[in-house]
Amino acid sequence: MIYTVIRMVFKIFFKLFYRSKYYGLENLPSQGPYIICSNHTSWFDPPVVTTIGPWRHRVSFMAKEELFKIFIIGFVIRRAGAFPVKRNTADRKAIKHALDVLSNGGILGLFPEGTRIRAGELGEPQQGAAMIALKSNSPVLPVAIIWSGIFRPVKVRVGSLLYFKDEGKIKSKNLEQVSRKIMDEIRNLL
């Protein structure tokens, strides 16, 4: 219930104040499991990503654990379905939670760069999104968010689903290739 209210408020906010425009919505799957991977330049990126799908789609985001310690923000994002991750480590609890979301047919939201990159360029991808995609056999939906300034139009471009298969043990080389492919697809949407 809280998720739906929060999502509705953001959908109205972005439509009124940012004149949000969406492209490629025909690429959205009708149901999960899948992983939304997007570039990350603004605090508003997670709410923007939640506004792209139909009302029944609920996106669970992996978010840095520090956000959950800020009283109001932690309260809201936890109710919105986000879960904490310890950055720069192999946080097994967060990975297990992400895999559980997908195994239950859910939609997982990840930012492959692992942090906000404000330089106007895409950052180097971390391997977490690739590892979760390979472990879960879930497709990745690349999304590009293009901000043009405060209270100026925001464009959201949705790409085609990417499917990855890994036979046997996941190797570092495969993680690197999948990570690059995801970022290349986001770059193409920009």
C-alpha atoms as a PDB file:
ATOM      1  CA  MET A   1       0.000   0.000   0.000  1.00  0.00           C
ATOM      2  CA  ILE A   2       2.734   2.481   0.975  1.00  0.00           C
ATOM      3  CA  TYR A   3       4.683   1.551  -2.163  1.00  0.00           C
ATOM      4  CA  THR A   4       1.685   2.359  -4.364  1.00  0.00           C
ATOM      5  CA  VAL A   5       1.148   5.735  -2.685  1.00  0.00           C
ATOM      6  CA  ILE A   6       4.850   6.659  -2.905  1.00  0.00           C
ATOM      7  CA  ARG A   7       4.941   5.617  -6.549  1.00  0.00           C
ATOM      8  CA  MET A   8       1.831   7.603  -7.408  1.00  0.00           C
ATOM      9  CA  VAL A   9       3.238  10.734  -5.724  1.00  0.00           C
ATOM     10  CA  PHE A  10       6.500  10.439  -7.682  1.00  0.00           C
ATOM     11  CA  LYS A  11       4.703   9.750 -10.963  1.00  0.00           C
ATOM     12  CA  ILE A  12       2.683  12.971 -10.539  1.00  0.00           C
ATOM     13  CA  PHE A  13       5.747  14.904  -9.325  1.00  0.00           C
ATOM     14  CA  PHE A  14       7.896  13.932 -12.337  1.00  0.00           C
ATOM     15  CA  LYS A  15       5.044  14.579 -14.788  1.00  0.00           C
ATOM     16  CA  LEU A  16       4.280  18.039 -13.371  1.00  0.00           C
ATOM     17  CA  PHE A  17       7.734  19.357 -12.522  1.00  0.00           C
ATOM     18  CA  TYR A  18      10.000  17.476 -14.938  1.00  0.00           C
ATOM     19  CA  ARG A  19       7.605  16.806 -17.833  1.00  0.00           C
ATOM     20  CA  SER A  20       8.871  13.218 -17.861  1.00  0.00           C
ATOM     21  CA  LYS A  21       8.911  11.442 -21.207  1.00  0.00           C
ATOM     22  CA  TYR A  22       9.194   7.681 -21.590  1.00  0.00           C
ATOM     23  CA  TYR A  23      10.477   5.813 -24.645  1.00  0.00           C
ATOM     24  CA  GLY A  24      10.576   2.078 -25.304  1.00  0.00           C
ATOM     25  CA  LEU A  25       7.799   1.135 -22.867  1.00  0.00           C
ATOM     26  CA  GLU A  26       6.822  -1.624 -25.302  1.00  0.00           C
ATOM     27  CA  ASN A  27      10.020  -3.381 -24.123  1.00  0.00           C
ATOM     28  CA  LEU A  28       8.686  -3.747 -20.558  1.00  0.00           C
ATOM     29  CA  PRO A  29       7.900  -7.376 -19.734  1.00  0.00           C
ATOM     30  CA  SER A  30       4.372  -8.011 -18.500  1.00  0.00           C
ATOM     31  CA  GLN A  31       5.779  -9.659 -15.350  1.00  0.00           C
ATOM     32  CA  GLY A  32       8.987 -10.594 -13.553  1.00  0.00           C
ATOM     33  CA  PRO A  33      11.441 -11.904 -12.867  1.00  0.00           C
ATOM     34  CA  TYR A  34      13.841  -9.429 -14.414  1.00  0.00           C
ATOM     35  CA  ILE A  35      16.524  -6.959 -13.366  1.00  0.00           C
ATOM     36  CA  ILE A  36      16.295  -3.276 -14.258  1.00  0.00           C
ATOM     37  CA  CYS A  37      19.812  -1.861 -14.713  1.00  0.00           C
ATOM     38  CA  SER A  38      20.110   1.895 -15.115  1.00  0.00           C
ATOM     39  CA  ASN A  39      22.691   4.647 -15.114  1.00  0.00           C
ATOM     40  CA  HIS A  40      22.816   6.576 -11.837  1.00  0.00           C
ATOM     41  CA  THR A  41      23.372  10.341 -11.765  1.00  0.00           C
ATOM     42  CA  SER A  42      20.733  11.620  -9.337  1.00  0.00           C
ATOM     43  CA  TRP A  43      19.068  10.843  -6.020  1.00  0.00           C
ATOM     44  CA  PHE A  44      15.851  10.811  -8.058  1.00  0.00           C
ATOM     45  CA  ASP A  45      16.908   7.865 -10.253  1.00  0.00           C
ATOM     46  CA  PRO A  46      15.272   5.123  -8.131  1.00  0.00           C
ATOM     47  CA  PRO A  47      11.885   6.884  -8.004  1.00  0.00           C
ATOM     48  CA  VAL A  48      12.069   7.587 -11.741  1.00  0.00           C
ATOM     49  CA  VAL A  49      12.714   3.893 -12.441  1.00  0.00           C
ATOM     50  CA  THR A  50       9.673   2.891 -10.369  1.00  0.00           C
ATOM     51  CA  THR A  51       7.437   5.110 -12.515  1.00  0.00           C
ATOM     52  CA  ILE A  52       8.150   3.340 -15.829  1.00  0.00           C
ATOM     53  CA  GLY A  53       6.049   0.232 -15.342  1.00  0.00           C
ATOM     54  CA  PRO A  54       2.374  -0.521 -14.819  1.00  0.00           C
ATOM     55  CA  TRP A  55       0.958  -0.013 -11.324  1.00  0.00           C
ATOM     56  CA  ARG A  56       1.228  -3.716 -10.508  1.00  0.00           C
ATOM     57  CA  HIS A  57       5.011  -3.708 -11.049  1.00  0.00           C
ATOM     58  CA  ARG A  58       6.918  -3.329  -7.797  1.00  0.00           C
ATOM     59  CA  VAL A  59      10.661  -2.735  -8.065  1.00  0.00           C
ATOM     60  CA  SER A  60      12.879  -3.802  -5.145  1.00  0.00           C
ATOM     61  CA  PHE A  61      16.069  -1.741  -5.058  1.00  0.00           C
ATOM     62  CA  MET A  62      19.376  -2.631  -3.509  1.00  0.00           C
ATOM     63  CA  ALA A  63      20.503   0.553  -1.699  1.00  0.00           C
ATOM     64  CA  LYS A  64      23.605   1.447   0.286  1.00  0.00           C
ATOM     65  CA  GLU A  65      23.151   0.592   3.945  1.00  0.00           C
ATOM     66  CA  GLU A  66      23.986   4.130   5.089  1.00  0.00           C
ATOM     67  CA  LEU A  67      20.636   5.355   3.721  1.00  0.00           C
ATOM     68  CA  PHE A  68      18.748   3.071   6.098  1.00  0.00           C
ATOM     69  CA  LYS A  69      20.361   4.821   9.094  1.00  0.00           C
ATOM     70  CA  ILE A  70      18.817   8.191   8.150  1.00  0.00           C
ATOM     71  CA  PHE A  71      15.500   8.151  10.024  1.00  0.00           C
ATOM     72  CA  ILE A  72      12.988   9.470   7.472  1.00  0.00           C
ATOM     73  CA  ILE A  73      14.794   8.188   4.370  1.00  0.00           C
ATOM     74  CA  GLY A  74      15.360   4.759   5.900  1.00  0.00           C
ATOM     75  CA  PHE A  75      11.718   4.497   6.918  1.00  0.00           C
ATOM     76  CA  VAL A  76      10.434   5.453   3.461  1.00  0.00           C
ATOM     77  CA  ILE A  77      12.804   3.353   1.353  1.00  0.00           C
ATOM     78  CA  ARG A  78      12.302   0.266   3.509  1.00  0.00           C
ATOM     79  CA  ARG A  79       8.503   0.609   3.095  1.00  0.00           C
ATOM     80  CA  ALA A  80       9.068   1.101  -0.640  1.00  0.00           C
ATOM     81  CA  GLY A  81      10.777  -2.306  -0.846  1.00  0.00           C
ATOM     82  CA  ALA A  82      14.451  -1.313  -0.821  1.00  0.00           C
ATOM     83  CA  PHE A  83      16.956  -3.478   1.040  1.00  0.00           C
ATOM     84  CA  PRO A  84      20.449  -2.629   2.286  1.00  0.00           C
ATOM     85  CA  VAL A  85      23.783  -3.620   0.810  1.00  0.00           C
ATOM     86  CA  LYS A  86      27.269  -3.117   2.254  1.00  0.00           C
ATOM     87  CA  ARG A  87      29.166  -1.549  -0.607  1.00  0.00           C
ATOM     88  CA  ASN A  88      32.665  -2.625  -1.685  1.00  0.00           C
ATOM     89  CA  THR A  89      32.159  -6.082  -0.186  1.00  0.00           C
ATOM     90  CA  ALA A  90      30.550  -9.336  -1.254  1.00  0.00           C
ATOM     91  CA  ASP A  91      27.459  -8.788   0.913  1.00  0.00           C
ATOM     92  CA  ARG A  92      26.021 -12.303   0.927  1.00  0.00           C
ATOM     93  CA  LYS A  93      22.862 -11.275   2.769  1.00  0.00           C
ATOM     94  CA  ALA A  94      22.035  -8.618   0.135  1.00  0.00           C
ATOM     95  CA  ILE A  95      22.847 -11.019  -2.705  1.00  0.00           C
ATOM     96  CA  LYS A  96      20.610 -13.692  -1.184  1.00  0.00           C
ATOM     97  CA  HIS A  97      17.793 -11.161  -0.795  1.00  0.00           C
ATOM     98  CA  ALA A  98      18.199 -10.071  -4.442  1.00  0.00           C
ATOM     99  CA  LEU A  99      18.090 -13.694  -5.622  1.00  0.00           C
ATOM    100  CA  ASP A 100      14.991 -14.309  -3.457  1.00  0.00           C
ATOM    101  CA  VAL A 101      13.220 -11.319  -5.069  1.00  0.00           C
ATOM    102  CA  LEU A 102      13.902 -12.800  -8.511  1.00  0.00           C
ATOM    103  CA  SER A 103      13.088 -16.414  -7.581  1.00  0.00           C
ATOM    104  CA  ASN A 104       9.691 -15.153  -6.361  1.00  0.00           C
ATOM    105  CA  GLY A 105       9.018 -13.559  -9.762  1.00  0.00           C
ATOM    106  CA  GLY A 106       9.890 -10.023  -8.660  1.00  0.00           C
ATOM    107  CA  ILE A 107      11.623  -7.093 -10.293  1.00  0.00           C
ATOM    108  CA  LEU A 108      15.027  -6.050  -8.987  1.00  0.00           C
ATOM    109  CA  GLY A 109      16.434  -2.548  -9.499  1.00  0.00           C
ATOM    110  CA  LEU A 110      20.218  -2.156  -9.666  1.00  0.00           C
ATOM    111  CA  PHE A 111      22.673   0.546 -10.674  1.00  0.00           C
ATOM    112  CA  PRO A 112      25.654  -1.350 -12.151  1.00  0.00           C
ATOM    113  CA  GLU A 113      28.050   1.526 -11.427  1.00  0.00           C
ATOM    114  CA  GLY A 114      27.388   1.013  -7.717  1.00  0.00           C
ATOM    115  CA  THR A 115      27.189   4.744  -6.975  1.00  0.00           C
ATOM    116  CA  ARG A 116      26.061   8.021  -8.502  1.00  0.00           C
ATOM    117  CA  ILE A 117      28.284   9.264 -11.318  1.00  0.00           C
ATOM    118  CA  ARG A 118      27.749  12.956 -12.007  1.00  0.00           C
ATOM    119  CA  ALA A 119      30.485  13.619 -14.551  1.00  0.00           C
ATOM    120  CA  GLY A 120      28.161  13.191 -17.519  1.00  0.00           C
ATOM    121  CA  GLU A 121      29.817   9.886 -18.422  1.00  0.00           C
ATOM    122  CA  LEU A 122      29.014   6.363 -17.383  1.00  0.00           C
ATOM    123  CA  GLY A 123      31.226   4.968 -14.639  1.00  0.00           C
ATOM    124  CA  GLU A 124      32.955   1.611 -14.576  1.00  0.00           C
ATOM    125  CA  PRO A 125      30.510  -1.206 -13.867  1.00  0.00           C
ATOM    126  CA  GLN A 126      30.794  -3.254 -10.725  1.00  0.00           C
ATOM    127  CA  GLN A 127      30.207  -6.982 -11.227  1.00  0.00           C
ATOM    128  CA  GLY A 128      27.262  -7.381  -8.837  1.00  0.00           C
ATOM    129  CA  ALA A 129      24.500  -6.946 -11.431  1.00  0.00           C
ATOM    130  CA  ALA A 130      26.187  -9.418 -13.778  1.00  0.00           C
ATOM    131  CA  MET A 131      26.668 -11.966 -11.002  1.00  0.00           C
ATOM    132  CA  ILE A 132      23.024 -11.732  -9.909  1.00  0.00           C
ATOM    133  CA  ALA A 133      21.817 -12.000 -13.522  1.00  0.00           C
ATOM    134  CA  LEU A 134      23.935 -15.109 -14.119  1.00  0.00           C
ATOM    135  CA  LYS A 135      23.105 -16.770 -10.782  1.00  0.00           C
ATOM    136  CA  SER A 136      19.368 -16.186 -11.190  1.00  0.00           C
ATOM    137  CA  ASN A 137      19.142 -16.737 -14.969  1.00  0.00           C
ATOM    138  CA  SER A 138      17.016 -13.570 -15.013  1.00  0.00           C
ATOM    139  CA  PRO A 139      17.039 -11.191 -17.975  1.00  0.00           C
ATOM    140  CA  VAL A 140      18.309  -7.623 -17.639  1.00  0.00           C
ATOM    141  CA  LEU A 141      16.259  -4.634 -18.774  1.00  0.00           C
ATOM    142  CA  PRO A 142      18.620  -1.739 -19.604  1.00  0.00           C
ATOM    143  CA  VAL A 143      17.285   1.742 -18.808  1.00  0.00           C
ATOM    144  CA  ALA A 144      18.838   5.159 -19.455  1.00  0.00           C
ATOM    145  CA  ILE A 145      17.766   8.237 -17.505  1.00  0.00           C
ATOM    146  CA  ILE A 146      18.643  11.552 -19.120  1.00  0.00           C
ATOM    147  CA  TRP A 147      18.386  14.623 -16.897  1.00  0.00           C
ATOM    148  CA  SER A 148      18.567  18.052 -18.485  1.00  0.00           C
ATOM    149  CA  GLY A 149      18.562  20.147 -15.295  1.00  0.00           C
ATOM    150  CA  ILE A 150      16.375  21.127 -12.347  1.00  0.00           C
ATOM    151  CA  PHE A 151      12.728  21.292 -13.366  1.00  0.00           C
ATOM    152  CA  ARG A 152      13.661  20.578 -16.976  1.00  0.00           C
ATOM    153  CA  PRO A 153      12.408  17.529 -18.893  1.00  0.00           C
ATOM    154  CA  VAL A 154      13.706  14.106 -17.922  1.00  0.00           C
ATOM    155  CA  LYS A 155      13.799  11.375 -20.563  1.00  0.00           C
ATOM    156  CA  VAL A 156      13.674   7.695 -19.712  1.00  0.00           C
ATOM    157  CA  ARG A 157      14.618   5.198 -22.413  1.00  0.00           C
ATOM    158  CA  VAL A 158      13.894   1.497 -21.965  1.00  0.00           C
ATOM    159  CA  GLY A 159      15.890  -1.005 -24.016  1.00  0.00           C
ATOM    160  CA  SER A 160      15.240  -4.598 -24.988  1.00  0.00           C
ATOM    161  CA  LEU A 161      15.718  -7.457 -22.550  1.00  0.00           C
ATOM    162  CA  LEU A 162      19.209  -8.951 -22.391  1.00  0.00           C
ATOM    163  CA  TYR A 163      19.590 -12.665 -21.699  1.00  0.00           C
ATOM    164  CA  PHE A 164      22.761 -14.191 -20.307  1.00  0.00           C
ATOM    165  CA  LYS A 165      23.608 -17.818 -19.723  1.00  0.00           C
ATOM    166  CA  ASP A 166      26.520 -19.222 -17.782  1.00  0.00           C
ATOM    167  CA  GLU A 167      27.331 -22.898 -17.817  1.00  0.00           C
ATOM    168  CA  GLY A 168      28.633 -24.207 -14.519  1.00  0.00           C
ATOM    169  CA  LYS A 169      30.745 -22.059 -12.221  1.00  0.00           C
ATOM    170  CA  ILE A 170      30.591 -18.300 -12.818  1.00  0.00           C
ATOM    171  CA  LYS A 171      34.015 -17.085 -13.887  1.00  0.00           C
ATOM    172  CA  SER A 172      35.529 -13.626 -13.541  1.00  0.00           C
ATOM    173  CA  LYS A 173      35.879 -13.316 -17.322  1.00  0.00           C
ATOM    174  CA  ASN A 174      32.136 -13.958 -17.773  1.00  0.00           C
ATOM    175  CA  LEU A 175      31.272 -11.385 -15.109  1.00  0.00           C
ATOM    176  CA  GLU A 176      33.443  -8.834 -16.900  1.00  0.00           C
ATOM    177  CA  GLN A 177      31.812  -9.547 -20.283  1.00  0.00           C
ATOM    178  CA  VAL A 178      28.259  -9.402 -18.926  1.00  0.00           C
ATOM    179  CA  SER A 179      29.003  -6.207 -16.959  1.00  0.00           C
ATOM    180  CA  ARG A 180      30.392  -4.553 -20.112  1.00  0.00           C
ATOM    181  CA  LYS A 181      27.417  -5.687 -22.209  1.00  0.00           C
ATOM    182  CA  ILE A 182      24.938  -4.195 -19.710  1.00  0.00           C
ATOM    183  CA  MET A 183      26.795  -0.859 -19.630  1.00  0.00           C
ATOM    184  CA  ASP A 184      27.144  -0.821 -23.426  1.00  0.00           C
ATOM    185  CA  GLU A 185      23.373  -1.215 -23.791  1.00  0.00           C
ATOM    186  CA  ILE A 186      22.739   1.627 -21.314  1.00  0.00           C
ATOM    187  CA  ARG A 187      25.281   3.763 -23.208  1.00  0.00           C
ATOM    188  CA  ASN A 188      23.467   3.050 -26.495  1.00  0.00           C
ATOM    189  CA  LEU A 189      20.205   4.282 -24.948  1.00  0.00           C
ATOM    190  CA  LEU A 190      21.832   7.541 -23.832  1.00  0.00           C
END
